[in-house]
Protein backbone atom coordinates (compact mmCIF):
# COMPACT_ATOMS: atom_id res chain seq x y z
CA MET A 1 -7.59 -5.20 -26.19
CA PHE A 2 -8.43 -3.74 -22.82
CA ASP A 3 -9.33 -5.30 -19.53
CA ILE A 4 -12.51 -3.67 -18.22
CA SER A 5 -12.29 -5.39 -14.86
CA GLU A 6 -8.73 -4.15 -14.32
CA ALA A 7 -9.68 -0.62 -15.35
CA VAL A 8 -12.65 -0.57 -12.96
CA THR A 9 -10.49 -1.90 -10.13
CA ARG A 10 -7.96 0.86 -10.77
CA LEU A 11 -10.78 3.41 -10.88
CA ALA A 12 -12.10 2.18 -7.53
CA ARG A 13 -8.64 2.33 -5.93
CA GLU A 14 -7.56 5.69 -7.30
CA GLU A 15 -10.70 7.78 -7.67
CA SER A 16 -13.63 6.39 -5.68
CA ALA A 17 -12.54 8.06 -2.42
CA HIS A 18 -12.42 11.50 -4.08
CA VAL A 19 -15.89 11.04 -5.56
CA LEU A 20 -17.27 9.59 -2.32
CA ALA A 21 -15.82 12.44 -0.26
CA LEU A 22 -17.44 15.05 -2.48
CA LEU A 23 -20.84 13.37 -2.64
CA ALA A 24 -20.90 12.47 1.07
CA HIS A 25 -20.53 16.14 1.95
CA ARG A 26 -23.78 16.82 0.07
CA PHE A 27 -25.86 13.65 0.28
CA GLY A 28 -24.59 11.90 3.40
CA LEU A 29 -22.31 8.88 3.65
CA ASP A 30 -24.91 6.15 3.05
CA VAL A 31 -26.39 7.64 -0.11
CA ALA A 32 -22.97 8.61 -1.48
CA ASP A 33 -21.42 5.20 -0.85
CA ASP A 34 -24.34 3.37 -2.45
CA ALA A 35 -24.19 5.70 -5.44
CA VAL A 36 -20.46 5.18 -5.98
CA GLN A 37 -20.77 1.40 -5.66
CA ASP A 38 -23.69 1.36 -8.11
CA ALA A 39 -21.65 3.41 -10.57
CA LEU A 40 -18.67 1.05 -10.27
CA VAL A 41 -20.95 -1.92 -10.96
CA GLU A 42 -22.31 -0.08 -14.00
CA ALA A 43 -18.74 0.55 -15.15
CA LEU A 44 -18.22 -3.18 -15.54
CA ASN A 45 -20.56 -2.93 -18.57
CA TRP A 46 -18.37 -0.41 -20.38
CA ALA A 47 -17.99 -1.18 -24.07
CA THR A 48 -14.94 1.09 -24.12
CA ILE A 49 -13.09 2.86 -21.33
CA PRO A 50 -14.11 6.55 -21.11
CA ASP A 51 -11.52 9.19 -21.90
CA ILE A 52 -11.69 10.44 -18.30
CA PRO A 53 -12.91 7.55 -16.11
CA ALA A 54 -12.92 9.69 -12.94
CA ALA A 55 -15.27 12.24 -14.53
CA TRP A 56 -17.53 9.41 -15.70
CA LEU A 57 -17.61 7.95 -12.18
CA TYR A 58 -18.45 11.30 -10.61
CA THR A 59 -21.23 12.07 -13.09
CA VAL A 60 -22.89 8.66 -12.85
CA ALA A 61 -22.57 8.45 -9.05
CA ARG A 62 -23.90 12.00 -8.64
CA ASN A 63 -26.91 11.20 -10.80
CA ARG A 64 -27.54 8.01 -8.84
CA ALA A 65 -27.41 10.00 -5.60
CA VAL A 66 -29.83 12.61 -6.93
CA ASP A 67 -32.21 9.86 -8.06
CA ARG A 68 -32.02 8.28 -4.61
CA VAL A 69 -32.79 11.59 -2.87
CA ARG A 70 -35.70 12.19 -5.23
CA ARG A 71 -37.11 8.71 -4.60
CA ASP A 72 -36.77 9.16 -0.84
CA ALA A 73 -38.42 12.57 -1.03
CA ALA A 74 -41.29 11.18 -3.11
CA ALA A 75 -41.76 8.34 -0.64
CA ALA A 76 -41.77 10.82 2.23
CA ARG A 77 -44.43 12.91 0.50
CA ARG A 78 -46.60 9.86 -0.01
CA LEU A 79 -46.17 8.97 3.66
CA ALA A 80 -46.98 12.52 4.66
CA ARG A 81 -50.23 12.41 2.73
CA ALA A 82 -51.21 8.95 3.99
CA ALA A 83 -50.05 9.18 7.61
CA PRO A 84 -48.39 12.50 8.48
CA ASP A 85 -48.06 11.55 12.15
CA LEU A 86 -45.63 8.77 11.19
CA LEU A 87 -43.23 11.15 9.44
CA PRO A 88 -40.27 11.77 11.80
CA TYR A 89 -39.43 15.20 10.37
CA ASP A 90 -40.97 18.19 8.61
CA LEU A 91 -40.98 17.61 4.88
CA ASP A 92 -38.91 20.12 2.97
CA ASP A 93 -40.42 20.95 -0.40
CA GLU A 94 -37.01 21.77 -1.82
CA GLU A 95 -35.86 19.08 -4.21
CA VAL A 96 -32.22 18.26 -4.88
CA THR A 97 -31.22 18.56 -8.52
CA PRO A 98 -27.90 18.09 -10.29
CA ASP A 99 -27.66 21.86 -10.70
CA MET A 100 -27.32 22.18 -6.93
CA ILE A 101 -24.02 20.29 -7.03
CA ASP A 102 -21.00 22.52 -7.52
CA ASP A 103 -18.40 20.40 -9.28
CA ALA A 104 -15.74 23.04 -8.64
CA ALA A 105 -16.28 22.96 -4.90
CA TYR A 106 -14.13 19.89 -4.34
CA SER A 107 -10.96 20.47 -2.39
CA SER A 108 -8.45 18.36 -0.52
CA ASP A 109 -10.41 19.15 2.63
CA GLU A 110 -13.22 16.86 1.41
CA HIS A 111 -10.83 13.93 1.18
CA LEU A 112 -9.34 14.73 4.57
CA ARG A 113 -12.82 14.85 6.10
CA LEU A 114 -13.55 11.37 4.78
CA LEU A 115 -10.26 10.00 6.14
CA LEU A 116 -10.91 11.52 9.54
CA LEU A 117 -14.50 10.28 9.57
CA CYS A 118 -13.30 6.72 9.05
CA CYS A 119 -11.09 7.11 12.12
CA HIS A 120 -13.64 8.80 14.38
CA PRO A 121 -13.11 7.83 18.05
CA ALA A 122 -16.75 6.69 18.30
CA LEU A 123 -15.78 3.70 16.12
CA ASN A 124 -13.69 0.82 17.39
CA ARG A 125 -10.31 0.12 15.86
CA ASP A 126 -11.37 -2.86 13.71
CA THR A 127 -14.18 -0.77 12.26
CA GLN A 128 -11.83 2.15 11.60
CA VAL A 129 -9.55 -0.16 9.63
CA ALA A 130 -12.42 -1.67 7.64
CA LEU A 131 -13.95 1.72 6.79
CA THR A 132 -10.61 3.22 5.78
CA LEU A 133 -9.88 0.38 3.38
CA ARG A 134 -13.43 0.22 2.07
CA LEU A 135 -14.30 3.90 1.69
CA VAL A 136 -10.89 5.51 1.19
CA GLY A 137 -8.82 2.64 -0.18
CA GLY A 138 -11.47 1.43 -2.59
CA LEU A 139 -11.00 -2.23 -1.65
CA THR A 140 -13.97 -4.55 -1.92
CA THR A 141 -15.56 -6.12 1.13
CA ALA A 142 -14.29 -9.52 -0.01
CA GLU A 143 -10.70 -8.25 -0.30
CA ILE A 144 -10.72 -6.73 3.18
CA ALA A 145 -12.31 -9.82 4.72
CA ALA A 146 -9.67 -12.06 3.14
CA ALA A 147 -6.86 -9.82 4.35
CA PHE A 148 -8.02 -9.81 7.96
CA LEU A 149 -9.25 -13.42 8.15
CA VAL A 150 -12.90 -12.73 8.83
CA PRO A 151 -15.94 -13.97 6.88
CA GLU A 152 -17.09 -11.60 4.16
CA GLN A 153 -20.54 -11.34 5.70
CA THR A 154 -19.01 -10.36 9.05
CA LEU A 155 -16.97 -7.63 7.41
CA ALA A 156 -19.98 -6.39 5.43
CA GLN A 157 -22.07 -6.17 8.60
CA ARG A 158 -19.27 -4.29 10.33
CA VAL A 159 -19.24 -1.66 7.58
CA VAL A 160 -23.03 -1.37 7.52
CA ARG A 161 -23.18 -0.95 11.31
CA ALA A 162 -20.46 1.68 11.19
CA LYS A 163 -22.25 3.72 8.53
CA ARG A 164 -25.49 3.42 10.50
CA LYS A 165 -23.74 4.60 13.64
CA ILE A 166 -22.30 7.58 11.78
CA ARG A 167 -25.76 8.43 10.46
CA ASP A 168 -27.73 7.87 13.65
CA ALA A 169 -25.23 9.67 15.87
CA GLY A 170 -25.01 12.56 13.46
CA ILE A 171 -21.22 12.31 13.26
CA PRO A 172 -20.29 15.16 10.93
CA LEU A 173 -17.95 15.22 7.96
CA THR A 174 -15.85 17.95 9.53
CA ILE A 175 -12.26 18.65 10.38
CA PRO A 176 -12.05 18.87 14.20
CA ALA A 177 -10.57 21.90 15.91
CA ASP A 178 -7.98 19.67 17.61
CA LEU A 179 -6.75 17.81 14.56
CA SER A 180 -3.90 16.04 16.35
CA LEU A 181 -6.09 13.55 18.22
CA ARG A 182 -7.84 12.35 15.07
CA VAL A 183 -4.61 12.25 13.08
CA ASP A 184 -3.09 9.97 15.72
CA ALA A 185 -5.99 7.56 15.19
CA LEU A 186 -5.60 7.79 11.41
CA LEU A 187 -1.89 7.02 11.51
CA THR A 188 -2.48 4.10 13.87
CA VAL A 189 -5.01 2.65 11.42
CA LEU A 190 -2.61 3.04 8.49
CA TYR A 191 0.14 1.41 10.58
CA LEU A 192 -2.15 -1.53 11.38
CA ILE A 193 -2.94 -2.00 7.70
CA PHE A 194 0.76 -1.89 6.85
CA ASN A 195 1.68 -4.36 9.58
CA GLU A 196 -0.97 -6.83 8.47
CA GLY A 197 0.52 -6.75 5.00
CA TYR A 198 4.12 -6.82 6.20
CA LEU A 199 3.63 -10.02 8.19
CA SER A 200 0.13 -11.30 7.69
CA ARG A 201 -1.53 -13.34 10.40
CA GLY A 202 -2.87 -15.88 7.94
CA SER A 203 -0.65 -15.72 4.87
CA VAL A 204 1.26 -18.89 4.12
CA SER A 205 3.84 -16.89 2.19
CA GLY A 206 4.25 -14.47 5.07
CA ALA A 207 3.33 -11.12 3.53
CA ARG A 208 0.52 -9.47 1.59
CA VAL A 209 2.19 -6.98 -0.74
CA ASP A 210 -1.20 -5.61 -1.81
CA LEU A 211 -1.92 -4.41 1.73
CA VAL A 212 1.60 -3.02 2.12
CA GLU A 213 1.21 -1.03 -1.09
CA GLU A 214 -2.27 0.13 -0.09
CA ALA A 215 -1.01 1.37 3.29
CA ILE A 216 1.81 3.26 1.59
CA ARG A 217 -0.61 4.78 -0.93
CA LEU A 218 -2.97 5.91 1.82
CA THR A 219 -0.07 7.34 3.85
CA ILE A 220 1.11 9.29 0.80
CA THR A 221 -2.43 10.65 0.52
CA ALA A 222 -2.39 11.59 4.20
CA ARG A 223 0.91 13.42 3.69
CA GLU A 224 -0.53 15.36 0.75
CA LEU A 225 -3.48 16.38 2.91
CA LEU A 226 -1.36 17.08 6.01
CA PRO A 227 1.94 18.33 4.51
CA ASN A 228 3.36 19.81 7.71
CA ASN A 229 2.80 16.86 10.02
CA PRO A 230 6.12 15.20 10.98
CA GLU A 231 4.45 12.01 12.24
CA VAL A 232 2.86 11.42 8.83
CA GLU A 233 6.31 11.78 7.26
CA GLY A 234 7.75 9.50 9.93
CA LEU A 235 5.19 6.78 9.24
CA LEU A 236 5.74 6.99 5.50
CA ALA A 237 9.51 6.76 6.00
CA LEU A 238 9.05 3.74 8.27
CA GLU A 239 6.88 2.01 5.66
CA LEU A 240 9.36 2.69 2.87
CA TYR A 241 12.33 1.38 4.89
CA ALA A 242 10.41 -1.84 5.48
CA ARG A 243 9.21 -2.07 1.87
CA ALA A 244 12.80 -1.72 0.67
CA ARG A 245 13.67 -5.06 2.31
CA HIS A 246 10.72 -7.03 0.98
CA ASP A 247 12.53 -9.09 -1.67
CA THR A 248 14.97 -10.47 0.92
CA ARG A 249 12.58 -11.26 3.78
CA PHE A 250 11.57 -14.74 2.68
CA ASN A 251 13.31 -17.80 1.34
CA GLY A 252 10.50 -19.63 -0.30
CA ASP A 253 7.87 -19.80 2.42
CA GLU A 254 10.30 -19.32 5.32
CA LEU A 255 11.10 -16.09 7.10
CA VAL A 256 14.66 -14.74 6.75
CA LEU A 257 15.78 -12.75 9.78
CA LEU A 258 17.19 -9.25 9.33
CA ASP A 259 20.81 -10.19 10.06
CA GLN A 260 20.69 -12.93 7.42
CA GLN A 261 19.16 -10.90 4.59
CA ASP A 262 21.13 -10.06 1.44
CA ARG A 263 21.51 -6.30 1.85
CA THR A 264 22.78 -5.85 -1.69
CA ARG A 265 19.22 -6.63 -2.81
CA TRP A 266 17.59 -3.97 -0.66
CA ASP A 267 15.94 -1.21 -2.69
CA GLY A 268 18.35 1.70 -2.40
CA GLU A 269 15.98 4.15 -4.07
CA LEU A 270 13.25 3.51 -1.50
CA ILE A 271 15.79 3.86 1.31
CA GLU A 272 16.88 7.24 -0.05
CA GLN A 273 13.26 8.38 -0.26
CA ALA A 274 12.76 7.29 3.34
CA ASN A 275 15.93 9.11 4.41
CA GLY A 276 14.64 12.32 2.85
CA LEU A 277 11.24 12.01 4.52
CA LEU A 278 12.79 11.31 7.90
CA HIS A 279 15.19 14.25 7.57
CA SER A 280 12.22 16.52 6.78
CA ALA A 281 10.24 15.17 9.75
CA LEU A 282 13.06 15.50 12.27
CA ALA A 283 13.82 19.03 11.09
CA ARG A 284 10.40 20.11 12.38
CA LEU A 285 11.62 19.42 15.95
CA ARG A 286 8.34 17.75 17.02
CA PRO A 287 9.41 14.18 17.80
CA GLY A 288 6.87 11.37 17.97
CA PRO A 289 6.57 7.58 18.00
CA PHE A 290 6.51 7.04 14.24
CA GLN A 291 9.53 9.26 13.69
CA THR A 292 11.39 7.35 16.42
CA GLN A 293 10.51 4.01 14.84
CA ALA A 294 11.72 5.38 11.52
CA VAL A 295 15.03 6.38 13.14
CA ILE A 296 15.43 2.77 14.29
CA ALA A 297 14.59 1.51 10.79
CA ARG A 298 17.15 3.93 9.32
CA HIS A 299 19.91 2.49 11.50
CA HIS A 300 19.14 -0.95 10.08
CA ALA A 301 18.70 0.26 6.50
CA THR A 302 21.98 2.18 6.37
CA ALA A 303 24.20 -0.44 8.02
CA ARG A 304 26.30 -2.01 5.26
CA THR A 305 26.41 -5.33 7.11
CA ALA A 306 24.62 -6.76 10.13
CA ALA A 307 27.86 -6.38 12.10
CA ASP A 308 27.89 -2.64 11.32
CA THR A 309 24.53 -2.08 13.02
CA ASP A 310 24.68 0.61 15.72
CA TRP A 311 22.90 -1.34 18.45
CA PRO A 312 23.62 1.16 21.27
CA ALA A 313 21.91 3.89 19.22
CA ILE A 314 18.98 1.58 18.47
CA ALA A 315 18.66 0.67 22.16
CA SER A 316 18.65 4.37 23.03
CA ALA A 317 15.93 5.04 20.46
CA TYR A 318 13.83 2.21 21.89
CA SER A 319 14.24 3.72 25.35
CA MET A 320 12.83 7.00 24.01
CA LEU A 321 10.00 5.13 22.28
CA LEU A 322 9.17 3.29 25.49
CA VAL A 323 8.80 6.62 27.33
CA MET A 324 6.50 7.85 24.55
CA THR A 325 4.27 4.79 24.34
CA GLY A 326 4.66 2.61 27.44
CA SER A 327 4.10 -0.34 25.10
CA PRO A 328 5.23 -3.79 26.29
CA VAL A 329 6.08 -4.67 22.69
CA VAL A 330 8.46 -1.71 22.60
CA ALA A 331 9.94 -2.93 25.90
CA LEU A 332 10.45 -6.34 24.26
CA ASN A 333 12.24 -4.79 21.28
CA ARG A 334 14.35 -2.67 23.61
CA ALA A 335 15.45 -5.83 25.42
CA VAL A 336 16.56 -7.30 22.09
CA ALA A 337 18.52 -4.18 21.17
CA VAL A 338 20.19 -4.03 24.59
CA SER A 339 21.09 -7.71 24.33
CA MET A 340 22.79 -7.03 20.99
CA ALA A 341 24.70 -4.11 22.51
CA ASP A 342 25.51 -5.49 25.99
CA GLY A 343 24.99 -9.24 25.82
CA PRO A 344 22.10 -11.73 26.18
CA ASP A 345 22.17 -11.86 29.97
CA VAL A 346 21.40 -8.13 30.18
CA GLY A 347 18.63 -8.57 27.63
CA LEU A 348 17.13 -11.47 29.60
CA ARG A 349 17.03 -9.38 32.76
CA LEU A 350 15.14 -6.66 30.91
CA LEU A 351 12.83 -9.28 29.43
CA ASP A 352 11.91 -10.47 32.92
CA ASP A 353 10.45 -7.02 33.60
CA VAL A 354 8.19 -7.10 30.53
CA THR A 355 4.57 -7.94 31.38
CA GLY A 356 1.40 -8.49 29.39
CA LEU A 357 2.91 -10.52 26.54
CA ASP A 358 2.26 -14.09 27.70
CA GLU A 359 0.10 -14.72 24.60
CA TYR A 360 2.48 -13.01 22.18
CA HIS A 361 4.56 -15.47 20.18
CA LEU A 362 7.45 -13.06 19.61
CA TYR A 363 7.94 -12.68 23.35
CA TRP A 364 8.61 -16.40 23.65
CA ALA A 365 10.66 -16.56 20.45
CA THR A 366 12.82 -13.70 21.71
CA LYS A 367 13.26 -15.31 25.10
CA ALA A 368 14.23 -18.58 23.45
CA GLU A 369 16.86 -16.96 21.25
CA LEU A 370 18.35 -15.02 24.17
CA LEU A 371 18.50 -18.20 26.24
CA VAL A 372 20.30 -19.98 23.41
CA SER A 373 22.76 -17.09 23.15
CA SER A 374 23.38 -17.23 26.89
CA GLY A 375 24.04 -21.00 26.71
CA ASP A 376 20.84 -22.19 28.44
CA VAL A 377 19.58 -24.51 25.70
CA ASP A 378 17.39 -26.58 28.03
CA ALA A 379 15.37 -23.52 29.06
CA ALA A 380 15.14 -22.35 25.45
CA ALA A 381 13.29 -25.49 24.25
CA PRO A 382 9.96 -24.87 26.02
CA ALA A 383 10.10 -21.18 25.06
CA PHE A 384 10.46 -22.13 21.40
CA ALA A 385 7.59 -24.59 21.76
CA ARG A 386 5.35 -21.90 23.26
CA ALA A 387 6.25 -19.49 20.46
CA ARG A 388 5.38 -22.14 17.86
CA GLU A 389 2.06 -22.81 19.57
CA LEU A 390 1.07 -19.13 19.48
CA ALA A 391 2.34 -18.24 15.98
CA THR A 392 -0.27 -17.79 13.23
CA ASN A 393 1.86 -16.75 10.25
CA GLY A 394 2.96 -19.63 8.03
CA ALA A 395 6.44 -18.28 7.39
CA GLU A 396 7.06 -17.74 11.08
CA LYS A 397 5.85 -21.25 11.88
CA GLN A 398 8.33 -22.73 9.40
CA HIS A 399 11.13 -20.64 10.86
CA LEU A 400 10.31 -21.77 14.39
CA ASP A 401 10.08 -25.40 13.26
CA ARG A 402 13.59 -25.11 11.84
CA ARG A 403 14.94 -23.49 15.01
CA ILE A 404 13.39 -26.21 17.18
CA ALA A 405 14.90 -28.89 14.92
CA GLU A 406 18.33 -27.22 15.13
CA LEU A 407 18.03 -27.04 18.89
CA HIS A 408 17.47 -30.78 19.09
CA GLY A 409 20.22 -31.55 16.57
CA TYR A 410 17.93 -32.81 13.81
């Protein structure tokens, strides 16, 4: 027995981006994407799974793309004969045939071009995320919509508009001369995907492991395509440190804080992989935000107990990260680390200087916990209430409900 649906899903995840990247370079993104999707739909009718599913997908999608180009060319010729003044371009008599496609021409550069296209600065961040998951990750529109809490139709329209913008603006499938700017956007998108899976905005159970695994898979792909980039290695290390703790992060549907997790259940193999990646990244002597975050994660991952955590070192790393990013969220995390190293009163003073987080639930949750630690329970109560009001994740809501109940002695 074999599960055709499962095999096609695996084919979409693992191979569709390679096929799409190759065909898009020759036929354009719209035609290539439609051809790959049509081929995947056709695959659902397999009587048996082909010996080499990826080769089958490429052949069928290529033929679909050629048919589409031929149909479009025939339609253009008919229009040229009937009303040549309406044709927006000079008709080229050359017809695309399968023989024009060089199967051996595929290289990793094609895949990298597709990744970078999805993260083009002309597209907004939500669109970059959607395109990366849809075109490179092989996720369906329905899966992406469910992950990011938007209607499927809204997500579908977002993808269609993005592809139209790429086509109409003539955005090329090229590797830019200054690769660093586009890579920064790519890594940010992968980080957003990972974060949504790590603590989902709408998941009752707290996390979406499928998105976490997809982000890791895409980051591994990025590392293969950009093997000398320390920030790619830093992001992958950061993701693996976090993934190693997954089995201890929830008790039923409630969030378990880091200092209360059972560290004997952390995945030591993943931590060692992350250590190796981070060592490789830092050895390149080109520090960056993702490497610095990975350094912080390493301090947590390698502390045998919560009491062994090197909070002064973590606070120092957050200070470096704050200089790099200027992010108020980093300033918030720095205040927490300093409070653990020097006491809650020092952390509260730093927290007073943080601006722009009035609508961020973790700002209020952090303030509440520091107030409790400093002995000001009365001031902590409204801060907890505000955090609960702003929280969207089910596991976090349950955690805050419990903390509020404990505060009132229930």
